[in-house]
Amino acid sequence: MLNGIDTAGLAGARDAIRTEPAAGIARYGVALDWKQGTQIEARALTMKVGAEEIARNFTWVVDEPPQLLGQSTGPTPQEYLMSGVGACIMVGFVVNAAVKGVALRSVRVTMGGSLDLAGFLNLRPDAQIKMAGLTYEIDADCDADEATLQDIARTAFEFSPNAMTAVHGVPVTGGLKQRQTA
């Protein structure tokens, strides 16, 4: 056990997934319910890893600040996006540090990004709707040499599912289901 990571368990999971690739497929879901104004309650749905179902009993609030018509009862969608990307990079950093035998005293990932609200509000045809980009910085307190830390950071980014989803994008599909209440 290093940095709170069960390295023997990790090695066992890697071997199991090599043997049976379907065991390494993770499926996630969330349900979002509108509360009022820009306030949304999100709930994690049951997760599956391979054939195993994992109950996820978490809810959180998403909202905008008053300047964007909200009440600031929770982080914005963009802050959740950045926290998801940053947390995924951090998990990769901590796990890879443990695999390389590097004991961490602390790690902080700082994320940043910007958004042109004119795109969201459809005010100008040239205004970009998506965020202009995301930046991250990893600040690690440990006793490792620079080359080892750079390798851990590179691997954490390059094998981060959330970072690679943001960098390369994925298809987003969906539609509308209208509910009729009597």
C-alpha atoms as a PDB file:
ATOM      1  CA  MET A   1       0.000   0.000   0.000  1.00  0.00           C
ATOM      2  CA  LEU A   2       1.484   3.329  -1.076  1.00  0.00           C
ATOM      3  CA  ASN A   3      -0.284   6.717  -1.241  1.00  0.00           C
ATOM      4  CA  GLY A   4      -3.474   4.880  -0.232  1.00  0.00           C
ATOM      5  CA  ILE A   5      -3.237   2.703  -3.353  1.00  0.00           C
ATOM      6  CA  ASP A   6      -3.314  -1.094  -3.025  1.00  0.00           C
ATOM      7  CA  THR A   7      -0.544  -1.766  -5.555  1.00  0.00           C
ATOM      8  CA  ALA A   8      -0.928  -5.552  -5.259  1.00  0.00           C
ATOM      9  CA  GLY A   9      -4.683  -5.200  -5.876  1.00  0.00           C
ATOM     10  CA  LEU A  10      -3.950  -2.961  -8.862  1.00  0.00           C
ATOM     11  CA  ALA A  11      -1.599  -5.577 -10.314  1.00  0.00           C
ATOM     12  CA  GLY A  12      -4.288  -8.236  -9.822  1.00  0.00           C
ATOM     13  CA  ALA A  13      -6.933  -6.086 -11.535  1.00  0.00           C
ATOM     14  CA  ARG A  14      -4.599  -5.441 -14.468  1.00  0.00           C
ATOM     15  CA  ASP A  15      -3.944  -9.176 -14.852  1.00  0.00           C
ATOM     16  CA  ALA A  16      -7.684  -9.951 -14.676  1.00  0.00           C
ATOM     17  CA  ILE A  17      -8.460  -7.389 -17.386  1.00  0.00           C
ATOM     18  CA  ARG A  18      -5.653  -8.717 -19.593  1.00  0.00           C
ATOM     19  CA  THR A  19      -7.178 -12.184 -19.283  1.00  0.00           C
ATOM     20  CA  GLU A  20     -10.814 -11.079 -19.704  1.00  0.00           C
ATOM     21  CA  PRO A  21     -11.048  -7.653 -21.431  1.00  0.00           C
ATOM     22  CA  ALA A  22     -14.813  -7.388 -20.773  1.00  0.00           C
ATOM     23  CA  ALA A  23     -14.015  -7.247 -17.042  1.00  0.00           C
ATOM     24  CA  GLY A  24     -12.393  -3.860 -17.680  1.00  0.00           C
ATOM     25  CA  ILE A  25     -15.422  -2.132 -19.217  1.00  0.00           C
ATOM     26  CA  ALA A  26     -16.854   0.466 -16.838  1.00  0.00           C
ATOM     27  CA  ARG A  27     -20.312   1.937 -17.483  1.00  0.00           C
ATOM     28  CA  TYR A  28     -21.457   5.105 -15.762  1.00  0.00           C
ATOM     29  CA  GLY A  29     -24.611   7.174 -15.680  1.00  0.00           C
ATOM     30  CA  VAL A  30     -26.158  10.182 -14.014  1.00  0.00           C
ATOM     31  CA  ALA A  31     -29.727  11.456 -13.792  1.00  0.00           C
ATOM     32  CA  LEU A  32     -30.311  15.189 -13.544  1.00  0.00           C
ATOM     33  CA  ASP A  33     -33.514  16.755 -12.233  1.00  0.00           C
ATOM     34  CA  TRP A  34     -34.339  20.421 -12.623  1.00  0.00           C
ATOM     35  CA  LYS A  35     -35.149  22.074  -9.301  1.00  0.00           C
ATOM     36  CA  GLN A  36     -35.650  25.770 -10.137  1.00  0.00           C
ATOM     37  CA  GLY A  37     -34.022  28.507 -12.164  1.00  0.00           C
ATOM     38  CA  THR A  38     -30.591  27.188 -13.125  1.00  0.00           C
ATOM     39  CA  GLN A  39     -30.412  24.756 -10.175  1.00  0.00           C
ATOM     40  CA  ILE A  40     -30.118  21.060 -10.996  1.00  0.00           C
ATOM     41  CA  GLU A  41     -29.808  18.037  -8.732  1.00  0.00           C
ATOM     42  CA  ALA A  42     -27.597  15.320 -10.177  1.00  0.00           C
ATOM     43  CA  ARG A  43     -27.642  11.719  -8.982  1.00  0.00           C
ATOM     44  CA  ALA A  44     -25.155   8.981  -9.770  1.00  0.00           C
ATOM     45  CA  LEU A  45     -26.776   5.872 -11.261  1.00  0.00           C
ATOM     46  CA  THR A  46     -25.668   2.299 -10.644  1.00  0.00           C
ATOM     47  CA  MET A  47     -22.225   1.734 -12.120  1.00  0.00           C
ATOM     48  CA  LYS A  48     -21.061  -1.485 -13.771  1.00  0.00           C
ATOM     49  CA  VAL A  49     -17.488  -2.738 -13.959  1.00  0.00           C
ATOM     50  CA  GLY A  50     -17.468  -5.849 -16.075  1.00  0.00           C
ATOM     51  CA  ALA A  51     -20.483  -7.822 -14.844  1.00  0.00           C
ATOM     52  CA  GLU A  52     -20.384  -6.325 -11.322  1.00  0.00           C
ATOM     53  CA  GLU A  53     -22.992  -3.696 -10.390  1.00  0.00           C
ATOM     54  CA  ILE A  54     -21.904  -1.033  -7.922  1.00  0.00           C
ATOM     55  CA  ALA A  55     -24.501   1.082  -6.132  1.00  0.00           C
ATOM     56  CA  ARG A  56     -23.671   4.795  -6.262  1.00  0.00           C
ATOM     57  CA  ASN A  57     -25.731   6.750  -3.745  1.00  0.00           C
ATOM     58  CA  PHE A  58     -24.496  10.280  -4.401  1.00  0.00           C
ATOM     59  CA  THR A  59     -26.294  13.480  -5.254  1.00  0.00           C
ATOM     60  CA  TRP A  60     -24.917  16.940  -5.919  1.00  0.00           C
ATOM     61  CA  VAL A  61     -26.179  20.336  -6.958  1.00  0.00           C
ATOM     62  CA  VAL A  62     -25.235  22.190 -10.133  1.00  0.00           C
ATOM     63  CA  ASP A  63     -26.052  25.912 -10.359  1.00  0.00           C
ATOM     64  CA  GLU A  64     -24.878  29.215 -11.774  1.00  0.00           C
ATOM     65  CA  PRO A  65     -23.899  32.377  -9.888  1.00  0.00           C
ATOM     66  CA  PRO A  66     -26.412  35.255  -9.698  1.00  0.00           C
ATOM     67  CA  GLN A  67     -24.569  37.034 -12.535  1.00  0.00           C
ATOM     68  CA  LEU A  68     -25.622  34.106 -14.759  1.00  0.00           C
ATOM     69  CA  LEU A  69     -29.197  33.911 -13.415  1.00  0.00           C
ATOM     70  CA  GLY A  70     -28.518  31.334 -10.681  1.00  0.00           C
ATOM     71  CA  GLN A  71     -28.324  31.278  -6.896  1.00  0.00           C
ATOM     72  CA  SER A  72     -24.778  29.880  -6.430  1.00  0.00           C
ATOM     73  CA  THR A  73     -26.039  26.812  -4.568  1.00  0.00           C
ATOM     74  CA  GLY A  74     -23.372  24.641  -6.233  1.00  0.00           C
ATOM     75  CA  PRO A  75     -20.591  24.633  -8.802  1.00  0.00           C
ATOM     76  CA  THR A  76     -21.357  25.523 -12.425  1.00  0.00           C
ATOM     77  CA  PRO A  77     -21.422  22.853 -15.148  1.00  0.00           C
ATOM     78  CA  GLN A  78     -18.016  24.107 -16.313  1.00  0.00           C
ATOM     79  CA  GLU A  79     -16.550  23.799 -12.798  1.00  0.00           C
ATOM     80  CA  TYR A  80     -17.818  20.213 -12.666  1.00  0.00           C
ATOM     81  CA  LEU A  81     -16.284  19.548 -16.082  1.00  0.00           C
ATOM     82  CA  MET A  82     -12.929  20.925 -14.926  1.00  0.00           C
ATOM     83  CA  SER A  83     -13.106  19.036 -11.615  1.00  0.00           C
ATOM     84  CA  GLY A  84     -13.833  15.800 -13.495  1.00  0.00           C
ATOM     85  CA  VAL A  85     -10.849  16.290 -15.793  1.00  0.00           C
ATOM     86  CA  GLY A  86      -8.567  17.457 -12.977  1.00  0.00           C
ATOM     87  CA  ALA A  87      -9.612  14.663 -10.604  1.00  0.00           C
ATOM     88  CA  CYS A  88      -9.002  12.058 -13.305  1.00  0.00           C
ATOM     89  CA  ILE A  89      -5.495  13.447 -13.916  1.00  0.00           C
ATOM     90  CA  MET A  90      -4.871  13.468 -10.150  1.00  0.00           C
ATOM     91  CA  VAL A  91      -6.011   9.844  -9.726  1.00  0.00           C
ATOM     92  CA  GLY A  92      -3.634   8.863 -12.518  1.00  0.00           C
ATOM     93  CA  PHE A  93      -0.814  10.822 -10.898  1.00  0.00           C
ATOM     94  CA  VAL A  94      -1.334   9.232  -7.471  1.00  0.00           C
ATOM     95  CA  VAL A  95      -1.664   5.702  -8.891  1.00  0.00           C
ATOM     96  CA  ASN A  96       1.375   6.055 -11.154  1.00  0.00           C
ATOM     97  CA  ALA A  97       3.428   7.521  -8.311  1.00  0.00           C
ATOM     98  CA  ALA A  98       2.541   4.488  -6.178  1.00  0.00           C
ATOM     99  CA  VAL A  99       3.424   2.089  -9.011  1.00  0.00           C
ATOM    100  CA  LYS A 100       6.820   3.803  -9.357  1.00  0.00           C
ATOM    101  CA  GLY A 101       7.387   3.683  -5.581  1.00  0.00           C
ATOM    102  CA  VAL A 102       7.095   7.464  -5.068  1.00  0.00           C
ATOM    103  CA  ALA A 103       5.581   8.421  -1.701  1.00  0.00           C
ATOM    104  CA  LEU A 104       3.522  11.598  -1.943  1.00  0.00           C
ATOM    105  CA  ARG A 105       3.092  14.077   0.889  1.00  0.00           C
ATOM    106  CA  SER A 106       0.551  16.171  -1.026  1.00  0.00           C
ATOM    107  CA  VAL A 107      -0.736  16.762  -4.537  1.00  0.00           C
ATOM    108  CA  ARG A 108      -2.836  19.607  -5.904  1.00  0.00           C
ATOM    109  CA  VAL A 109      -4.160  19.916  -9.437  1.00  0.00           C
ATOM    110  CA  THR A 110      -5.322  23.376 -10.462  1.00  0.00           C
ATOM    111  CA  MET A 111      -7.586  23.674 -13.510  1.00  0.00           C
ATOM    112  CA  GLY A 112      -8.555  26.746 -15.517  1.00  0.00           C
ATOM    113  CA  GLY A 113     -10.614  27.548 -18.572  1.00  0.00           C
ATOM    114  CA  SER A 114     -12.712  30.236 -20.211  1.00  0.00           C
ATOM    115  CA  LEU A 115     -16.025  30.467 -21.980  1.00  0.00           C
ATOM    116  CA  ASP A 116     -17.452  33.144 -24.289  1.00  0.00           C
ATOM    117  CA  LEU A 117     -21.016  33.565 -23.053  1.00  0.00           C
ATOM    118  CA  ALA A 118     -21.950  35.125 -26.407  1.00  0.00           C
ATOM    119  CA  GLY A 119     -21.715  31.602 -27.879  1.00  0.00           C
ATOM    120  CA  PHE A 120     -24.043  30.067 -25.282  1.00  0.00           C
ATOM    121  CA  LEU A 121     -26.478  32.975 -25.675  1.00  0.00           C
ATOM    122  CA  ASN A 122     -26.340  32.749 -29.492  1.00  0.00           C
ATOM    123  CA  LEU A 123     -25.413  36.437 -29.792  1.00  0.00           C
ATOM    124  CA  ARG A 124     -22.787  36.240 -32.531  1.00  0.00           C
ATOM    125  CA  PRO A 125     -22.271  33.634 -35.234  1.00  0.00           C
ATOM    126  CA  ASP A 126     -18.488  33.810 -34.688  1.00  0.00           C
ATOM    127  CA  ALA A 127     -18.710  33.215 -30.908  1.00  0.00           C
ATOM    128  CA  GLN A 128     -17.475  29.783 -29.898  1.00  0.00           C
ATOM    129  CA  ILE A 129     -19.926  27.730 -27.816  1.00  0.00           C
ATOM    130  CA  LYS A 130     -17.399  25.303 -26.328  1.00  0.00           C
ATOM    131  CA  MET A 131     -14.820  26.335 -23.763  1.00  0.00           C
ATOM    132  CA  ALA A 132     -11.734  27.914 -25.309  1.00  0.00           C
ATOM    133  CA  GLY A 133      -9.485  25.314 -23.683  1.00  0.00           C
ATOM    134  CA  LEU A 134      -8.509  23.851 -20.350  1.00  0.00           C
ATOM    135  CA  THR A 135      -5.227  24.235 -18.503  1.00  0.00           C
ATOM    136  CA  TYR A 136      -3.928  22.189 -15.604  1.00  0.00           C
ATOM    137  CA  GLU A 137      -0.989  22.327 -13.247  1.00  0.00           C
ATOM    138  CA  ILE A 138       0.113  19.548 -10.919  1.00  0.00           C
ATOM    139  CA  ASP A 139       1.871  20.611  -7.721  1.00  0.00           C
ATOM    140  CA  ALA A 140       3.376  17.587  -5.959  1.00  0.00           C
ATOM    141  CA  ASP A 141       5.283  17.447  -2.683  1.00  0.00           C
ATOM    142  CA  CYS A 142       7.476  14.337  -2.675  1.00  0.00           C
ATOM    143  CA  ASP A 143      11.076  13.160  -2.785  1.00  0.00           C
ATOM    144  CA  ALA A 144      11.364  12.128  -6.430  1.00  0.00           C
ATOM    145  CA  ASP A 145      13.696  13.388  -9.111  1.00  0.00           C
ATOM    146  CA  GLU A 146      12.380  15.697 -11.833  1.00  0.00           C
ATOM    147  CA  ALA A 147      12.543  13.083 -14.624  1.00  0.00           C
ATOM    148  CA  THR A 148      10.493  10.571 -12.611  1.00  0.00           C
ATOM    149  CA  LEU A 149       7.883  13.204 -11.733  1.00  0.00           C
ATOM    150  CA  GLN A 150       7.659  14.363 -15.344  1.00  0.00           C
ATOM    151  CA  ASP A 151       7.097  10.756 -16.441  1.00  0.00           C
ATOM    152  CA  ILE A 152       4.391  10.266 -13.797  1.00  0.00           C
ATOM    153  CA  ALA A 153       2.691  13.531 -14.848  1.00  0.00           C
ATOM    154  CA  ARG A 154       2.885  12.684 -18.568  1.00  0.00           C
ATOM    155  CA  THR A 155       1.421   9.225 -17.973  1.00  0.00           C
ATOM    156  CA  ALA A 156      -1.302  10.647 -15.700  1.00  0.00           C
ATOM    157  CA  PHE A 157      -2.399  13.017 -18.475  1.00  0.00           C
ATOM    158  CA  GLU A 158      -1.995  10.687 -21.461  1.00  0.00           C
ATOM    159  CA  PHE A 159      -3.925   7.841 -19.804  1.00  0.00           C
ATOM    160  CA  SER A 160      -6.616   9.992 -18.168  1.00  0.00           C
ATOM    161  CA  PRO A 161      -9.980   8.979 -19.663  1.00  0.00           C
ATOM    162  CA  ASN A 162     -11.499  12.366 -18.822  1.00  0.00           C
ATOM    163  CA  ALA A 163      -8.573  14.384 -20.165  1.00  0.00           C
ATOM    164  CA  MET A 164      -8.471  12.338 -23.369  1.00  0.00           C
ATOM    165  CA  THR A 165     -12.253  12.728 -23.755  1.00  0.00           C
ATOM    166  CA  ALA A 166     -11.854  16.518 -23.465  1.00  0.00           C
ATOM    167  CA  VAL A 167      -8.835  16.593 -25.800  1.00  0.00           C
ATOM    168  CA  HIS A 168     -10.229  14.297 -28.494  1.00  0.00           C
ATOM    169  CA  GLY A 169     -13.963  14.597 -27.935  1.00  0.00           C
ATOM    170  CA  VAL A 170     -16.555  11.862 -28.190  1.00  0.00           C
ATOM    171  CA  PRO A 171     -19.855  11.660 -30.013  1.00  0.00           C
ATOM    172  CA  VAL A 172     -22.729  12.986 -27.931  1.00  0.00           C
ATOM    173  CA  THR A 173     -26.113  11.682 -28.973  1.00  0.00           C
ATOM    174  CA  GLY A 174     -29.544  12.054 -27.491  1.00  0.00           C
ATOM    175  CA  GLY A 175     -32.991  13.356 -27.997  1.00  0.00           C
ATOM    176  CA  LEU A 176     -36.188  14.567 -26.404  1.00  0.00           C
ATOM    177  CA  LYS A 177     -38.873  12.479 -24.737  1.00  0.00           C
ATOM    178  CA  GLN A 178     -41.921  14.548 -23.936  1.00  0.00           C
ATOM    179  CA  ARG A 179     -43.860  13.503 -20.875  1.00  0.00           C
ATOM    180  CA  GLN A 180     -47.577  14.170 -20.819  1.00  0.00           C
ATOM    181  CA  THR A 181     -49.039  14.738 -17.377  1.00  0.00           C
ATOM    182  CA  ALA A 182     -52.788  14.604 -17.013  1.00  0.00           C
END
